[in-house]
């Protein structure tokens, strides 16, 4: 059993990639359930996406480790704006995932707080947003507990990892004011 005081939060590095890929797959299975097409979610592409996030000058990834083992991660960066690049004042939490056997022990909260601490070091960032599947009640409860507020809903058509013919995915946007500057 993992105790939150035993988890150490740090920036992810290339040695963490295989464990991050496994946790990402677990998260996708939890989120998409029967609509996940594992044949579309192969190890190499996951690891490539993780490597590109780690190499990014724009995005960051924090990991939670317990006894040297990766047990969770959070990826975040500026909010993408279609056709315009990134929003300077809005950060987006792309994904926060904790290994299934380590959930419910404060690891997710520790990761979330590490993201907030990093973003608060950047005074121009005024708001953190994220999108969560509307039927993911555990994630919605978690983000509510973290002080985030649901502000918008959207319907996403199937994506590249969902089975053909899967129903559209309904998502809810959550926001948290960080109190950045007004310059």
Protein backbone atom coordinates (compact mmCIF):
# COMPACT_ATOMS: atom_id res chain seq x y z
CA UNK A 1 0.00 0.00 0.00
CA UNK A 2 1.27 3.46 -0.94
CA UNK A 3 1.18 6.18 1.68
CA UNK A 4 1.10 9.74 0.29
CA UNK A 5 3.95 10.80 2.58
CA UNK A 6 6.10 8.12 0.89
CA UNK A 7 5.44 9.48 -2.61
CA UNK A 8 8.00 11.89 -4.01
CA UNK A 9 6.98 14.35 -6.78
CA UNK A 10 9.56 15.34 -9.36
CA UNK A 11 9.88 16.24 -13.01
CA UNK A 12 9.62 13.26 -15.31
CA UNK A 13 12.67 12.14 -17.29
CA UNK A 14 13.32 9.73 -20.14
CA UNK A 15 13.93 6.82 -17.74
CA UNK A 16 10.29 7.11 -16.61
CA UNK A 17 8.81 6.60 -20.11
CA UNK A 18 8.00 2.84 -19.96
CA UNK A 19 6.19 3.19 -16.62
CA UNK A 20 4.39 6.33 -17.83
CA UNK A 21 3.20 4.42 -20.92
CA UNK A 22 1.75 1.64 -18.74
CA UNK A 23 -0.03 4.12 -16.46
CA UNK A 24 -1.35 5.97 -19.52
CA UNK A 25 -2.79 2.73 -20.89
CA UNK A 26 -4.46 2.01 -17.51
CA UNK A 27 -5.92 5.52 -17.51
CA UNK A 28 -7.28 5.13 -21.04
CA UNK A 29 -8.83 1.78 -20.10
CA UNK A 30 -10.47 3.39 -17.06
CA UNK A 31 -11.71 6.41 -19.03
CA UNK A 32 -12.87 4.73 -22.24
CA UNK A 33 -13.80 1.26 -20.92
CA UNK A 34 -15.45 -0.94 -23.54
CA UNK A 35 -14.97 1.76 -26.20
CA UNK A 36 -11.16 1.57 -26.04
CA UNK A 37 -9.57 -0.09 -29.05
CA UNK A 38 -6.26 -1.41 -27.68
CA UNK A 39 -5.06 -2.25 -31.19
CA UNK A 40 -5.03 1.51 -31.85
CA UNK A 41 -3.09 2.18 -28.67
CA UNK A 42 0.30 0.62 -29.27
CA UNK A 43 3.31 1.05 -27.00
CA UNK A 44 5.54 2.87 -29.47
CA UNK A 45 3.11 5.75 -30.17
CA UNK A 46 2.41 6.25 -26.44
CA UNK A 47 6.10 6.33 -25.68
CA UNK A 48 6.69 8.72 -28.60
CA UNK A 49 4.02 11.12 -27.29
CA UNK A 50 5.49 10.97 -23.79
CA UNK A 51 9.03 11.56 -25.12
CA UNK A 52 7.85 14.59 -27.12
CA UNK A 53 6.15 16.01 -24.01
CA UNK A 54 9.35 15.53 -22.01
CA UNK A 55 11.39 17.24 -24.75
CA UNK A 56 8.93 20.14 -25.05
CA UNK A 57 9.94 23.61 -23.97
CA UNK A 58 6.25 24.45 -23.59
CA UNK A 59 4.78 21.49 -21.67
CA UNK A 60 5.85 19.80 -18.45
CA UNK A 61 5.28 16.45 -16.81
CA UNK A 62 5.57 15.65 -13.13
CA UNK A 63 5.81 12.12 -11.76
CA UNK A 64 4.98 10.63 -8.38
CA UNK A 65 7.42 7.95 -7.27
CA UNK A 66 7.33 5.63 -4.31
CA UNK A 67 10.46 3.64 -3.50
CA UNK A 68 11.82 4.61 -6.94
CA UNK A 69 8.78 3.32 -8.83
CA UNK A 70 6.59 5.64 -10.93
CA UNK A 71 3.05 5.51 -9.55
CA UNK A 72 1.46 8.52 -11.25
CA UNK A 73 1.97 11.58 -13.41
CA UNK A 74 0.51 14.90 -14.47
CA UNK A 75 1.12 16.60 -17.82
CA UNK A 76 0.37 20.28 -18.28
CA UNK A 77 1.19 23.38 -20.26
CA UNK A 78 -0.36 26.36 -21.98
CA UNK A 79 -3.86 25.86 -23.36
CA UNK A 80 -3.77 25.18 -27.11
CA UNK A 81 -5.80 27.66 -29.15
CA UNK A 82 -6.84 26.36 -32.59
CA UNK A 83 -4.80 28.09 -35.29
CA UNK A 84 -3.17 30.49 -32.83
CA UNK A 85 -0.67 28.42 -30.86
CA UNK A 86 -1.09 28.72 -27.10
CA UNK A 87 -2.94 30.95 -24.66
CA UNK A 88 -0.45 32.78 -22.44
CA UNK A 89 -2.72 33.27 -19.43
CA UNK A 90 -4.42 29.84 -19.40
CA UNK A 91 -2.73 26.54 -18.53
CA UNK A 92 -4.28 23.18 -19.31
CA UNK A 93 -3.89 20.01 -17.28
CA UNK A 94 -3.69 17.47 -20.10
CA UNK A 95 -3.84 14.36 -17.95
CA UNK A 96 -3.40 13.38 -14.34
CA UNK A 97 -3.20 9.62 -13.81
CA UNK A 98 -2.32 7.42 -10.87
CA UNK A 99 -1.54 3.72 -11.07
CA UNK A 100 -4.71 1.77 -10.30
CA UNK A 101 -3.34 0.07 -7.17
CA UNK A 102 -2.18 3.42 -5.76
CA UNK A 103 -5.40 5.43 -6.11
CA UNK A 104 -7.18 6.84 -3.08
CA UNK A 105 -4.00 7.52 -1.10
CA UNK A 106 -3.41 11.22 -1.81
CA UNK A 107 -1.02 10.70 -4.73
CA UNK A 108 -3.34 12.46 -7.20
CA UNK A 109 -3.73 15.38 -4.81
CA UNK A 110 0.05 15.64 -4.39
CA UNK A 111 0.50 15.69 -8.18
CA UNK A 112 -2.25 18.29 -8.60
CA UNK A 113 -0.69 20.49 -5.92
CA UNK A 114 2.72 20.20 -7.61
CA UNK A 115 1.17 21.43 -10.86
CA UNK A 116 -0.45 24.36 -9.06
CA UNK A 117 2.84 25.26 -7.36
CA UNK A 118 4.66 25.25 -10.70
CA UNK A 119 1.97 27.34 -12.40
CA UNK A 120 1.89 29.86 -9.56
CA UNK A 121 5.59 30.49 -10.20
CA UNK A 122 4.45 31.99 -13.52
CA UNK A 123 2.56 35.18 -12.60
CA UNK A 124 1.09 35.59 -16.09
CA UNK A 125 -0.89 32.32 -15.74
CA UNK A 126 -4.32 33.26 -14.40
CA UNK A 127 -6.31 30.08 -14.84
CA UNK A 128 -5.96 26.30 -14.97
CA UNK A 129 -8.43 24.36 -17.10
CA UNK A 130 -8.97 20.72 -17.96
CA UNK A 131 -11.48 18.56 -19.80
CA UNK A 132 -12.82 15.38 -18.22
CA UNK A 133 -15.27 12.85 -19.60
CA UNK A 134 -18.65 13.79 -18.18
CA UNK A 135 -19.43 10.24 -17.05
CA UNK A 136 -16.11 9.88 -15.18
CA UNK A 137 -17.68 10.52 -11.76
CA UNK A 138 -14.51 9.76 -9.79
CA UNK A 139 -12.46 12.30 -11.75
CA UNK A 140 -15.22 14.91 -11.54
CA UNK A 141 -15.43 14.43 -7.76
CA UNK A 142 -11.64 14.66 -7.46
CA UNK A 143 -11.37 17.92 -9.42
CA UNK A 144 -14.29 19.38 -7.47
CA UNK A 145 -12.48 18.50 -4.24
CA UNK A 146 -9.40 20.27 -5.62
CA UNK A 147 -11.47 23.47 -5.95
CA UNK A 148 -12.13 23.35 -9.67
CA UNK A 149 -15.50 24.42 -11.03
CA UNK A 150 -17.34 22.90 -14.03
CA UNK A 151 -17.93 25.65 -16.59
CA UNK A 152 -18.78 24.12 -19.97
CA UNK A 153 -19.77 20.88 -21.69
CA UNK A 154 -19.00 19.64 -25.19
CA UNK A 155 -19.49 16.55 -27.25
CA UNK A 156 -16.43 15.09 -28.91
CA UNK A 157 -16.76 12.67 -31.80
CA UNK A 158 -14.85 9.39 -31.44
CA UNK A 159 -11.09 9.75 -31.34
CA UNK A 160 -8.20 7.68 -32.56
CA UNK A 161 -8.21 5.28 -29.58
CA UNK A 162 -11.94 4.61 -29.38
CA UNK A 163 -13.57 1.76 -31.25
CA UNK A 164 -15.19 2.48 -34.60
CA UNK A 165 -18.83 3.38 -34.04
CA UNK A 166 -18.33 4.38 -30.40
CA UNK A 167 -20.77 7.04 -29.26
CA UNK A 168 -19.52 10.61 -29.05
CA UNK A 169 -17.67 11.42 -25.86
CA UNK A 170 -19.23 14.07 -23.64
CA UNK A 171 -16.71 16.18 -21.76
CA UNK A 172 -16.92 18.79 -19.02
CA UNK A 173 -14.49 21.67 -18.73
CA UNK A 174 -13.26 22.55 -15.24
CA UNK A 175 -11.53 25.79 -14.27
CA UNK A 176 -9.56 27.11 -11.32
CA UNK A 177 -8.51 30.74 -10.94
CA UNK A 178 -4.83 31.06 -10.02
CA UNK A 179 -4.94 34.80 -9.39
CA UNK A 180 -2.20 35.69 -11.90
CA UNK A 181 -1.28 39.27 -12.72
CA UNK A 182 -3.25 41.51 -15.06
CA UNK A 183 -0.40 42.71 -17.24
